Amino acid sequence: MSELLEKLKNYADSDYLPMHMPGHKRRMGDPGNPFFIDITEIDGFDDLHHAEGILQDAQQRAARLYGSEETHYLVNGSTAGILAAVSGCVPAGGTLLMARNCHQSVVHAALLRGLETVYIYPQSTVEMGINGPILAKDVDKALRERTDIRAVLLTSPTYDGLISDVEAIVETVHARGIPLIVDEAHGAHFPFSDYFPRDAVSCGADVVVTSLHKTLPSLTQTALIHLNGKLIDREKIQFFLRVYQTSSPSYVLMAGMDECIAWISENRAEFDRFGERLTRLRAELKNMKRLKLLEFPGMDRSRILVSGASAGLSGGELAARLREDYHIEPEMAGISYVCALTSVADREEDLRRLGDAFLRMDAGTEEQEAAEPGYADTALPEPRRVCPMQAAFDADAEWVPLKEACGRVSAGFVVPYPPGITLLTPGEEIDEAVLQSLARLPEAGCELRGVRDGRLRVVKLFIQKYCTV
C-alpha cells in the first residue's frame, strides 16, 4: 500500500469529524471499487465534449433539477467553469467587471485572455471580521463609468456564506445588455429548501457555476456550469470547456455526479430536515458568552462561523482547539473566526458534537481575562495598477524581501489559501496597505501562495520605470 493511500485510510478510520468539504462527509455514496468502473470513451458510453447519448441525458437531468436551460458537467472543478465562462463571455483584450473578492481562477482567466479587470469591492463588515456582499448600486456605478465592460462576475455566496442581491444585480447588468456570471461554487444546495438563500439561476444570472462536491454528496472536483438566456455565446463557452477540461474525463466522477443528482431528486425533503438540524444547532450556539456565532441577514446558514475576538482568540487558535481537543477538522480559519462547513450528510449527532465542542470552548474562556472584541480590519487593499497584467507577468522579475517590496510592481499573484481570493496581481503596485495585509494573514494560519521565504516576485527595477497602464 502506498504511503498516501495508507494515510488516507488511517484518517478515514479515525474519529475525526469532517466539518469541511466535500459535502458527502465520507459517508454518503458507495461507488464500490473505482477501478472496476473506470473506462474511457468506448462505444455506448458517449463523449462528454460531444455528448449525444447517455452523458447528454445525464446533463439534462441536472439542468431540470436546477431549472437551467442548459447544464454541463465539470470534471476539473468549478475552476474550469470559471475559466470557460470568462473566456467565452469576454473577447481577448476586453474588459471584465469583477468583484475583488472573487476566486483566483477569475484573474487567471483574465491573464490568459489579456483582459483589463475593473474591480468592485465588497462591503465592509468590521463588526464581524469578514467581507460583506457586493451592492447593486456599486455595480451600476462601475457600469456607468466604463461603457466598454463586456461582462460582470461576482461570487455569491462567499466562502463565509454571505449573499449578494443577485436579482437586483441581474437587473442592473441586463439593462446594459451584458451577461452576469455568478460563481456559486459554495451554493449548490440552495435550490433544494427554502431554508437556504435563493439560487442564482432562479435569479436570472446568465452563467452560474456550482460545485457539487463542496456541499452535496459528490466526489471532489465535480461541478456544474449552467447557461441561460441570449446574452451569452454558448458555443464559445462550450469550446473553452474543451480547452480547460481534460480530454479524458473520468467516468467515475461523472457517474458520481449522476448519482448525486438522482439522490437529490428522490430525497429533497432531506434538505428541509437538514435545515431543522441547523436551526437547533444555531439556537444552542447563540447561548455562548465569550465566543460569538456570526450571523448576517440572508446568509447561508449552513456555514457555522464562530468568532473568538471577544475571548482574545484568533481563528487559528479556535481551529487548533477544535482539531486537537475535540478531533473536529474545520473548513478554514479567518483572522478572528473559524468556519465549519456543514452539509446534508451531517447527522444530528454530528452537529451536536460540533455544538458541544464550541460550548465547552466557550465555557473554558471564562477563566481568561475579558478582551475587547478585536475584529481585524478585513477590507481588501486596493492597490494601484501601473502596468497591464500580462506585461508584468511576462516581464523579467526578481524576488525581494517583503520589507524591500514597498513601491515595487508585482510580477506575480499573492493569494491567501483558503479562501483563494487574490490580494495582489501582476502589474499592481505593492503599497503599505498590501504589506500590512500580508503581515496579518499568516498569524491566522493562512497559507500565502505567492510569498516565498518572506519574499515577493516583482518586476525588475530597470523595467519597472517604463511601466504604464
Protein backbone atom coordinates (compact mmCIF):
# COMPACT_ATOMS: atom_id res chain seq x y z
CA MET A 1 0.00 0.00 0.00
CA SER A 2 1.36 3.43 -0.94
CA GLU A 3 2.15 5.97 1.76
CA LEU A 4 -0.59 8.35 0.62
CA LEU A 5 -3.26 5.64 0.40
CA GLU A 6 -2.31 4.32 3.80
CA LYS A 7 -2.52 7.80 5.31
CA LEU A 8 -5.94 8.36 3.73
CA LYS A 9 -7.24 5.04 5.05
CA ASN A 10 -5.92 5.70 8.53
CA TYR A 11 -7.53 9.12 8.61
CA ALA A 12 -10.84 7.75 7.33
CA ASP A 13 -10.77 5.13 10.12
CA SER A 14 -10.11 7.75 12.80
CA ASP A 15 -12.71 9.55 14.91
CA TYR A 16 -12.07 12.96 13.28
CA LEU A 17 -15.33 14.71 12.39
CA PRO A 18 -15.16 16.42 8.97
CA MET A 19 -16.61 19.91 9.16
CA HIS A 20 -15.15 20.68 5.75
CA MET A 21 -15.76 19.80 2.11
CA PRO A 22 -16.51 17.51 0.33
CA GLY A 23 -20.19 17.51 1.19
CA HIS A 24 -20.58 13.73 1.27
CA LYS A 25 -18.57 13.80 4.53
CA ARG A 26 -17.03 10.42 3.66
CA ARG A 27 -20.27 8.59 4.39
CA MET A 28 -22.78 9.17 1.56
CA GLY A 29 -22.47 7.19 -1.64
CA ASP A 30 -20.88 3.83 -2.40
CA PRO A 31 -19.35 3.59 -5.88
CA GLY A 32 -17.61 0.33 -4.99
CA ASN A 33 -14.17 -0.34 -6.45
CA PRO A 34 -13.47 2.75 -8.64
CA PHE A 35 -11.05 0.77 -10.82
CA PHE A 36 -13.89 -1.58 -11.75
CA ILE A 37 -15.90 1.20 -13.44
CA ASP A 38 -13.00 3.33 -14.73
CA ILE A 39 -13.27 3.41 -18.53
CA THR A 40 -12.61 5.71 -21.45
CA GLU A 41 -14.94 6.82 -24.27
CA ILE A 42 -15.83 3.36 -25.55
CA ASP A 43 -18.86 2.50 -27.69
CA GLY A 44 -22.16 3.15 -25.93
CA PHE A 45 -20.79 5.50 -23.25
CA ASP A 46 -20.85 8.82 -25.13
CA ASP A 47 -18.22 11.60 -25.08
CA LEU A 48 -18.51 14.46 -22.58
CA HIS A 49 -17.20 17.02 -25.06
CA HIS A 50 -19.60 15.95 -27.81
CA ALA A 51 -22.40 14.46 -25.72
CA GLU A 52 -25.27 12.94 -27.70
CA GLY A 53 -26.25 9.92 -25.63
CA ILE A 54 -26.05 8.81 -22.01
CA LEU A 55 -23.95 11.79 -20.88
CA GLN A 56 -26.24 14.24 -22.66
CA ASP A 57 -29.19 12.66 -20.82
CA ALA A 58 -27.33 12.94 -17.50
CA GLN A 59 -26.56 16.63 -18.04
CA GLN A 60 -30.18 17.29 -18.99
CA ARG A 61 -31.29 15.68 -15.71
CA ALA A 62 -29.00 18.10 -13.87
CA ALA A 63 -30.44 21.03 -15.85
CA ARG A 64 -34.01 20.05 -14.93
CA LEU A 65 -33.10 19.73 -11.27
CA TYR A 66 -31.60 23.23 -11.20
CA GLY A 67 -34.17 24.83 -13.52
CA SER A 68 -31.48 25.72 -16.06
CA GLU A 69 -31.84 25.89 -19.83
CA GLU A 70 -28.51 24.13 -20.35
CA THR A 71 -26.10 22.45 -17.93
CA HIS A 72 -22.69 20.89 -18.46
CA TYR A 73 -20.62 18.60 -16.26
CA LEU A 74 -17.31 19.94 -14.96
CA VAL A 75 -14.75 17.28 -14.09
CA ASN A 76 -11.97 19.81 -13.42
CA GLY A 77 -13.94 21.57 -10.71
CA SER A 78 -15.57 24.99 -10.68
CA THR A 79 -12.22 26.44 -11.71
CA ALA A 80 -12.65 25.06 -15.23
CA GLY A 81 -16.15 26.53 -15.37
CA ILE A 82 -14.96 29.98 -14.30
CA LEU A 83 -12.13 29.92 -16.85
CA ALA A 84 -14.52 28.91 -19.63
CA ALA A 85 -17.22 31.40 -18.61
CA VAL A 86 -14.86 34.37 -18.57
CA SER A 87 -13.09 33.30 -21.77
CA GLY A 88 -16.38 32.75 -23.58
CA CYS A 89 -18.09 35.95 -22.44
CA VAL A 90 -15.28 38.50 -22.81
CA PRO A 91 -13.23 38.78 -26.04
CA ALA A 92 -9.45 38.76 -25.87
CA GLY A 93 -8.25 42.16 -24.71
CA GLY A 94 -11.73 43.11 -23.48
CA THR A 95 -12.83 44.46 -20.12
CA LEU A 96 -14.30 42.44 -17.23
CA LEU A 97 -16.02 43.97 -14.20
CA MET A 98 -15.40 41.64 -11.28
CA ALA A 99 -15.75 41.56 -7.53
CA ARG A 100 -12.32 41.85 -5.94
CA ASN A 101 -13.16 39.01 -3.55
CA CYS A 102 -13.58 36.53 -6.41
CA HIS A 103 -11.64 33.28 -6.57
CA GLN A 104 -8.17 33.36 -8.10
CA SER A 105 -9.43 31.47 -11.16
CA VAL A 106 -11.15 34.66 -12.34
CA VAL A 107 -7.93 36.68 -12.53
CA HIS A 108 -6.18 33.66 -14.03
CA ALA A 109 -8.76 33.76 -16.83
CA ALA A 110 -8.16 37.49 -17.23
CA LEU A 111 -4.42 36.85 -17.54
CA LEU A 112 -4.87 34.11 -20.12
CA ARG A 113 -7.16 36.26 -22.27
CA GLY A 114 -5.28 39.55 -21.79
CA LEU A 115 -8.30 41.22 -20.19
CA GLU A 116 -8.47 44.50 -18.35
CA THR A 117 -10.07 43.98 -14.95
CA VAL A 118 -12.19 46.62 -13.25
CA TYR A 119 -12.90 45.85 -9.60
CA ILE A 120 -15.91 46.26 -7.32
CA TYR A 121 -15.11 45.91 -3.64
CA PRO A 122 -17.35 44.10 -1.14
CA GLN A 123 -19.00 45.91 1.73
CA SER A 124 -17.04 46.02 4.97
CA THR A 125 -18.41 44.16 7.99
CA VAL A 126 -15.80 45.16 10.55
CA GLU A 127 -18.05 44.06 13.41
CA MET A 128 -17.91 40.51 12.02
CA GLY A 129 -14.36 40.43 10.77
CA ILE A 130 -15.36 39.21 7.30
CA ASN A 131 -16.01 40.70 3.87
CA GLY A 132 -19.61 41.58 3.06
CA PRO A 133 -21.73 41.43 -0.11
CA ILE A 134 -21.46 43.27 -3.41
CA LEU A 135 -24.08 46.02 -3.81
CA ALA A 136 -26.11 46.56 -6.98
CA LYS A 137 -25.53 50.32 -6.75
CA ASP A 138 -21.76 49.77 -6.91
CA VAL A 139 -22.17 47.59 -9.99
CA ASP A 140 -24.36 50.28 -11.57
CA LYS A 141 -21.80 52.99 -10.79
CA ALA A 142 -18.99 50.99 -12.37
CA LEU A 143 -21.04 50.28 -15.49
CA ARG A 144 -21.86 53.97 -15.86
CA GLU A 145 -18.19 54.88 -15.62
CA ARG A 146 -16.93 52.21 -18.02
CA THR A 147 -19.04 51.58 -21.11
CA ASP A 148 -16.51 49.08 -22.50
CA ILE A 149 -17.29 46.38 -19.90
CA ARG A 150 -18.36 43.15 -21.63
CA ALA A 151 -19.40 41.03 -18.63
CA VAL A 152 -19.78 41.19 -14.86
CA LEU A 153 -18.67 38.46 -12.44
CA LEU A 154 -19.28 38.09 -8.71
CA THR A 155 -19.08 35.40 -6.06
CA SER A 156 -22.27 34.63 -4.15
CA PRO A 157 -22.21 33.01 -1.68
CA THR A 158 -18.74 33.89 -0.50
CA TYR A 159 -16.57 31.35 1.28
CA ASP A 160 -18.15 32.66 4.50
CA GLY A 161 -21.69 32.23 3.17
CA LEU A 162 -22.57 35.89 2.56
CA ILE A 163 -25.02 36.57 -0.23
CA SER A 164 -25.22 39.46 -2.70
CA ASP A 165 -28.57 40.62 -4.11
CA VAL A 166 -28.12 38.70 -7.35
CA GLU A 167 -31.60 39.51 -8.63
CA ALA A 168 -31.01 43.28 -8.34
CA ILE A 169 -27.56 42.94 -9.90
CA VAL A 170 -29.03 40.91 -12.79
CA GLU A 171 -31.46 43.75 -13.49
CA THR A 172 -28.65 46.31 -13.41
CA VAL A 173 -26.35 44.29 -15.67
CA HIS A 174 -29.03 43.25 -18.16
CA ALA A 175 -30.07 46.88 -18.57
CA ARG A 176 -26.66 47.34 -20.26
CA GLY A 177 -27.18 44.29 -22.47
CA ILE A 178 -24.28 42.32 -20.98
CA PRO A 179 -24.22 39.00 -19.08
CA LEU A 180 -23.77 38.28 -15.38
CA ILE A 181 -21.55 35.37 -14.37
CA VAL A 182 -22.05 34.10 -10.82
CA ASP A 183 -19.54 31.91 -9.04
CA GLU A 184 -21.98 29.97 -6.86
CA ALA A 185 -19.49 27.22 -6.12
CA HIS A 186 -20.44 27.14 -2.44
CA GLY A 187 -24.20 27.29 -3.03
CA ALA A 188 -25.01 24.07 -4.91
CA HIS A 189 -27.54 23.16 -2.20
CA PHE A 190 -29.55 26.41 -2.38
CA PRO A 191 -32.44 25.32 -4.65
CA PHE A 192 -33.50 22.39 -2.50
CA SER A 193 -35.00 24.05 0.57
CA ASP A 194 -36.49 27.43 1.43
CA TYR A 195 -34.18 27.38 4.47
CA PHE A 196 -31.35 28.42 2.15
CA PRO A 197 -30.96 31.59 0.07
CA ARG A 198 -32.37 31.85 -3.43
CA ASP A 199 -30.04 30.43 -6.08
CA ALA A 200 -28.52 32.47 -8.92
CA VAL A 201 -30.16 30.51 -11.75
CA SER A 202 -33.64 31.38 -10.48
CA CYS A 203 -32.48 34.99 -10.02
CA GLY A 204 -31.78 35.23 -13.75
CA ALA A 205 -27.98 35.04 -13.94
CA ASP A 206 -26.67 34.11 -17.38
CA VAL A 207 -23.82 31.80 -16.35
CA VAL A 208 -23.75 30.07 -12.96
CA VAL A 209 -21.01 27.75 -11.75
CA THR A 210 -21.81 25.41 -8.86
CA SER A 211 -19.53 22.92 -7.09
CA LEU A 212 -21.45 19.74 -6.34
CA HIS A 213 -18.60 18.43 -4.22
CA LYS A 214 -18.47 21.35 -1.80
CA THR A 215 -21.88 20.94 -0.13
CA LEU A 216 -23.53 17.91 -1.76
CA PRO A 217 -22.83 14.16 -1.84
CA SER A 218 -20.49 14.17 -4.82
CA LEU A 219 -16.80 13.43 -5.32
CA THR A 220 -14.12 16.11 -5.12
CA GLN A 221 -13.62 18.23 -8.28
CA THR A 222 -17.15 17.62 -9.59
CA ALA A 223 -19.16 20.71 -10.55
CA LEU A 224 -21.74 22.09 -12.98
CA ILE A 225 -21.98 25.11 -15.26
CA HIS A 226 -25.45 26.46 -16.09
CA LEU A 227 -26.03 28.53 -19.25
CA ASN A 228 -29.15 30.66 -19.67
CA GLY A 229 -30.55 33.50 -21.76
CA LYS A 230 -29.48 35.08 -25.04
CA LEU A 231 -26.72 37.41 -23.86
CA ILE A 232 -24.02 34.74 -23.96
CA ASP A 233 -22.40 32.84 -26.81
CA ARG A 234 -22.94 29.27 -25.63
CA GLU A 235 -20.85 27.75 -28.40
CA LYS A 236 -17.83 29.80 -27.31
CA ILE A 237 -18.25 28.75 -23.69
CA GLN A 238 -18.59 25.12 -24.78
CA PHE A 239 -15.40 25.47 -26.83
CA PHE A 240 -13.50 26.79 -23.83
CA LEU A 241 -14.86 23.96 -21.69
CA ARG A 242 -13.00 21.65 -24.07
CA VAL A 243 -9.89 23.82 -23.73
CA TYR A 244 -9.79 23.93 -19.93
CA GLN A 245 -11.04 20.43 -19.16
CA THR A 246 -9.24 17.15 -19.69
CA SER A 247 -9.92 15.33 -22.96
CA SER A 248 -10.14 12.14 -20.86
CA PRO A 249 -12.90 12.90 -18.35
CA SER A 250 -13.32 10.42 -15.51
CA TYR A 251 -16.39 8.22 -15.78
CA VAL A 252 -16.06 7.59 -12.06
CA LEU A 253 -16.56 11.31 -11.40
CA MET A 254 -19.37 11.62 -13.95
CA ALA A 255 -21.18 8.60 -12.54
CA GLY A 256 -20.82 10.15 -9.10
CA MET A 257 -22.43 13.37 -10.36
CA ASP A 258 -25.35 11.47 -11.87
CA GLU A 259 -25.80 9.57 -8.60
CA CYS A 260 -25.76 12.86 -6.69
CA ILE A 261 -28.45 14.34 -8.97
CA ALA A 262 -30.54 11.17 -8.62
CA TRP A 263 -30.24 11.18 -4.82
CA ILE A 264 -31.34 14.83 -4.58
CA SER A 265 -34.27 14.21 -6.93
CA GLU A 266 -35.51 11.39 -4.68
CA ASN A 267 -34.65 12.96 -1.32
CA ARG A 268 -35.36 16.69 -1.46
CA ALA A 269 -37.14 16.55 1.89
CA GLU A 270 -33.77 15.73 3.48
CA PHE A 271 -32.72 19.34 2.93
CA ASP A 272 -35.65 20.64 4.98
CA ARG A 273 -34.70 18.22 7.75
CA PHE A 274 -31.11 19.42 7.45
CA GLY A 275 -32.38 22.97 7.93
CA GLU A 276 -34.20 21.89 11.09
CA ARG A 277 -31.00 20.39 12.48
CA LEU A 278 -29.14 23.60 11.71
CA THR A 279 -31.83 25.67 13.42
CA ARG A 280 -31.34 23.69 16.63
CA LEU A 281 -27.55 23.98 16.41
CA ARG A 282 -27.58 27.71 15.82
CA ALA A 283 -30.02 28.26 18.70
CA GLU A 284 -27.58 26.47 21.03
CA LEU A 285 -24.60 28.43 19.80
CA LYS A 286 -26.36 31.73 20.43
CA ASN A 287 -26.07 30.93 24.14
CA MET A 288 -22.28 31.28 24.08
CA LYS A 289 -20.96 34.00 26.39
CA ARG A 290 -17.48 34.83 25.06
CA LEU A 291 -17.36 33.13 21.70
CA LYS A 292 -19.80 34.55 19.17
CA LEU A 293 -21.85 32.98 16.40
CA LEU A 294 -21.52 35.35 13.45
CA GLU A 295 -24.71 35.97 11.51
CA PHE A 296 -25.59 38.23 8.62
CA PRO A 297 -29.03 38.88 7.04
CA GLY A 298 -29.74 36.42 4.25
CA MET A 299 -26.52 34.44 4.71
CA ASP A 300 -26.17 30.72 4.04
CA ARG A 301 -26.89 29.34 7.50
CA SER A 302 -25.16 26.04 6.75
CA ARG A 303 -21.89 27.93 7.33
CA ILE A 304 -21.12 27.99 11.05
CA LEU A 305 -18.88 30.99 11.71
CA VAL A 306 -17.66 31.42 15.28
CA SER A 307 -15.53 34.36 16.35
CA GLY A 308 -13.08 34.28 19.23
CA ALA A 309 -12.42 38.03 19.16
CA SER A 310 -14.16 38.77 22.50
CA ALA A 311 -12.18 35.97 24.14
CA GLY A 312 -8.88 37.14 22.70
CA LEU A 313 -8.61 34.08 20.45
CA SER A 314 -7.66 34.10 16.78
CA GLY A 315 -9.34 31.95 14.18
CA GLY A 316 -6.22 29.83 14.01
CA GLU A 317 -6.35 29.19 17.76
CA LEU A 318 -10.02 28.21 17.58
CA ALA A 319 -9.29 25.82 14.71
CA ALA A 320 -6.36 24.28 16.60
CA ARG A 321 -8.52 23.68 19.69
CA LEU A 322 -11.24 22.05 17.62
CA ARG A 323 -8.67 19.83 15.95
CA GLU A 324 -6.54 18.91 18.97
CA ASP A 325 -9.09 18.78 21.80
CA TYR A 326 -12.21 17.58 20.01
CA HIS A 327 -10.94 15.87 16.83
CA ILE A 328 -13.06 18.15 14.64
CA GLU A 329 -11.48 19.39 11.42
CA PRO A 330 -12.95 22.78 10.38
CA GLU A 331 -13.10 24.14 6.84
CA MET A 332 -10.95 27.21 7.42
CA ALA A 333 -9.72 29.78 9.91
CA GLY A 334 -10.01 33.51 9.34
CA ILE A 335 -8.11 36.11 11.31
CA SER A 336 -10.64 36.23 14.16
CA TYR A 337 -13.04 33.37 13.39
CA VAL A 338 -13.31 29.74 12.36
CA CYS A 339 -15.65 28.32 9.71
CA ALA A 340 -17.28 24.90 9.97
CA LEU A 341 -18.87 23.70 6.74
CA THR A 342 -21.95 21.57 7.29
CA SER A 343 -23.91 19.63 4.69
CA VAL A 344 -26.98 17.46 4.29
CA ALA A 345 -24.73 14.49 5.14
CA ASP A 346 -24.26 15.74 8.72
CA ARG A 347 -26.41 13.81 11.18
CA GLU A 348 -27.97 15.14 14.38
CA GLU A 349 -25.15 13.61 16.43
CA ASP A 350 -22.52 15.25 14.21
CA LEU A 351 -23.97 18.73 14.65
CA ARG A 352 -24.48 18.10 18.38
CA ARG A 353 -20.81 17.14 18.67
CA LEU A 354 -19.79 20.35 16.91
CA GLY A 355 -22.10 22.42 19.10
CA ASP A 356 -20.87 20.77 22.31
CA ALA A 357 -17.28 21.48 21.32
CA PHE A 358 -17.97 25.20 20.85
CA LEU A 359 -19.97 25.41 24.08
CA ARG A 360 -17.18 23.75 26.05
CA MET A 361 -14.60 26.00 24.46
CA ASP A 362 -16.78 28.97 25.35
CA ALA A 363 -17.06 27.83 28.98
CA GLY A 364 -13.29 27.39 29.09
CA THR A 365 -12.74 31.02 28.15
CA GLU A 366 -14.43 32.25 31.35
CA GLU A 367 -11.15 31.85 33.24
CA GLN A 368 -9.40 34.15 30.78
CA GLU A 369 -9.37 37.89 31.16
CA ALA A 370 -12.12 39.51 29.12
CA ALA A 371 -10.95 41.18 25.93
CA GLU A 372 -12.40 43.97 23.86
CA PRO A 373 -13.59 42.48 20.55
CA GLY A 374 -10.53 42.67 18.34
CA TYR A 375 -12.09 42.22 14.93
CA ALA A 376 -9.42 42.64 12.32
CA ASP A 377 -9.91 45.08 9.50
CA THR A 378 -10.57 42.67 6.65
CA ALA A 379 -11.13 45.31 3.99
CA LEU A 380 -9.28 44.23 0.88
CA PRO A 381 -6.40 46.52 -0.11
CA GLU A 382 -6.92 48.49 -3.31
CA PRO A 383 -3.50 48.53 -4.98
CA ARG A 384 -2.93 50.87 -7.91
CA ARG A 385 -2.48 49.23 -11.32
CA VAL A 386 0.61 50.64 -13.02
CA CYS A 387 1.18 48.00 -15.68
CA PRO A 388 -1.04 45.59 -17.67
CA MET A 389 -1.30 42.20 -16.02
CA GLN A 390 0.14 40.26 -18.92
CA ALA A 391 3.07 42.65 -19.38
CA ALA A 392 4.05 42.43 -15.71
CA PHE A 393 3.62 38.65 -15.63
CA ASP A 394 5.86 38.20 -18.68
CA ALA A 395 8.48 40.78 -17.61
CA ASP A 396 11.87 39.90 -16.18
CA ALA A 397 11.37 39.56 -12.45
CA GLU A 398 13.21 39.07 -9.20
CA TRP A 399 12.36 38.01 -5.65
CA VAL A 400 12.82 40.67 -2.97
CA PRO A 401 12.21 40.65 0.82
CA LEU A 402 8.80 41.97 1.88
CA LYS A 403 10.38 44.94 3.66
CA GLU A 404 12.02 46.00 0.38
CA ALA A 405 8.93 45.45 -1.80
CA CYS A 406 7.07 48.68 -0.97
CA GLY A 407 6.71 50.78 -4.12
CA ARG A 408 7.64 47.92 -6.43
CA VAL A 409 5.38 46.39 -9.09
CA SER A 410 4.18 42.86 -8.53
CA ALA A 411 5.12 40.28 -11.15
CA GLY A 412 3.06 37.50 -9.58
CA PHE A 413 -0.14 36.64 -7.74
CA VAL A 414 -0.41 36.65 -3.96
CA VAL A 415 -3.31 34.52 -2.75
CA PRO A 416 -4.22 33.57 0.84
CA TYR A 417 -5.45 29.98 0.77
CA PRO A 418 -8.11 29.39 1.81
CA PRO A 419 -10.22 31.15 0.57
CA GLY A 420 -8.28 31.76 -2.66
CA ILE A 421 -9.00 35.49 -3.03
CA THR A 422 -6.25 37.36 -4.83
CA LEU A 423 -4.72 40.19 -2.79
CA LEU A 424 -2.17 41.18 -5.40
CA THR A 425 -1.99 40.61 -9.15
CA PRO A 426 0.81 41.23 -11.66
CA GLY A 427 1.07 44.90 -12.60
CA GLU A 428 -0.18 46.26 -9.28
CA GLU A 429 1.90 48.47 -7.01
CA ILE A 430 2.89 46.96 -3.68
CA ASP A 431 1.96 49.60 -1.10
CA GLU A 432 1.81 49.69 2.71
CA ALA A 433 -1.81 48.50 2.80
CA VAL A 434 -0.86 45.38 0.85
CA LEU A 435 2.14 44.69 3.07
CA GLN A 436 0.03 45.11 6.21
CA SER A 437 -2.47 42.58 4.89
CA LEU A 438 0.32 40.15 4.08
CA ALA A 439 1.70 40.53 7.60
CA ARG A 440 -1.68 39.82 9.27
CA LEU A 441 -2.74 36.70 7.44
CA PRO A 442 -0.03 34.19 8.49
CA GLU A 443 -0.91 34.93 12.12
CA ALA A 444 -4.36 33.44 11.42
CA GLY A 445 -2.86 30.32 9.93
CA CYS A 446 -3.48 31.31 6.29
CA GLU A 447 -1.08 29.97 3.70
CA LEU A 448 0.17 32.81 1.49
CA ARG A 449 0.66 31.49 -2.01
CA GLY A 450 2.95 33.78 -3.96
CA VAL A 451 5.15 34.62 -0.99
CA ARG A 452 8.33 32.55 -0.89
CA ASP A 453 10.55 32.59 2.19
CA GLY A 454 9.38 36.10 3.06
CA ARG A 455 9.94 37.37 -0.49
CA LEU A 456 7.71 38.68 -3.28
CA ARG A 457 8.16 38.35 -7.02
CA VAL A 458 8.45 41.85 -8.50
CA VAL A 459 9.23 43.41 -11.87
CA LYS A 460 12.92 44.26 -12.16
CA LEU A 461 13.69 47.89 -11.48
CA PHE A 462 15.10 48.75 -14.89
CA ILE A 463 11.85 47.51 -16.47
CA GLN A 464 9.56 48.93 -13.81
CA LYS A 465 10.33 52.53 -14.67
CA TYR A 466 8.76 52.01 -18.10
CA CYS A 467 5.51 50.61 -16.69
CA THR A 468 2.42 52.49 -17.77
CA VAL A 469 -1.21 51.44 -17.71
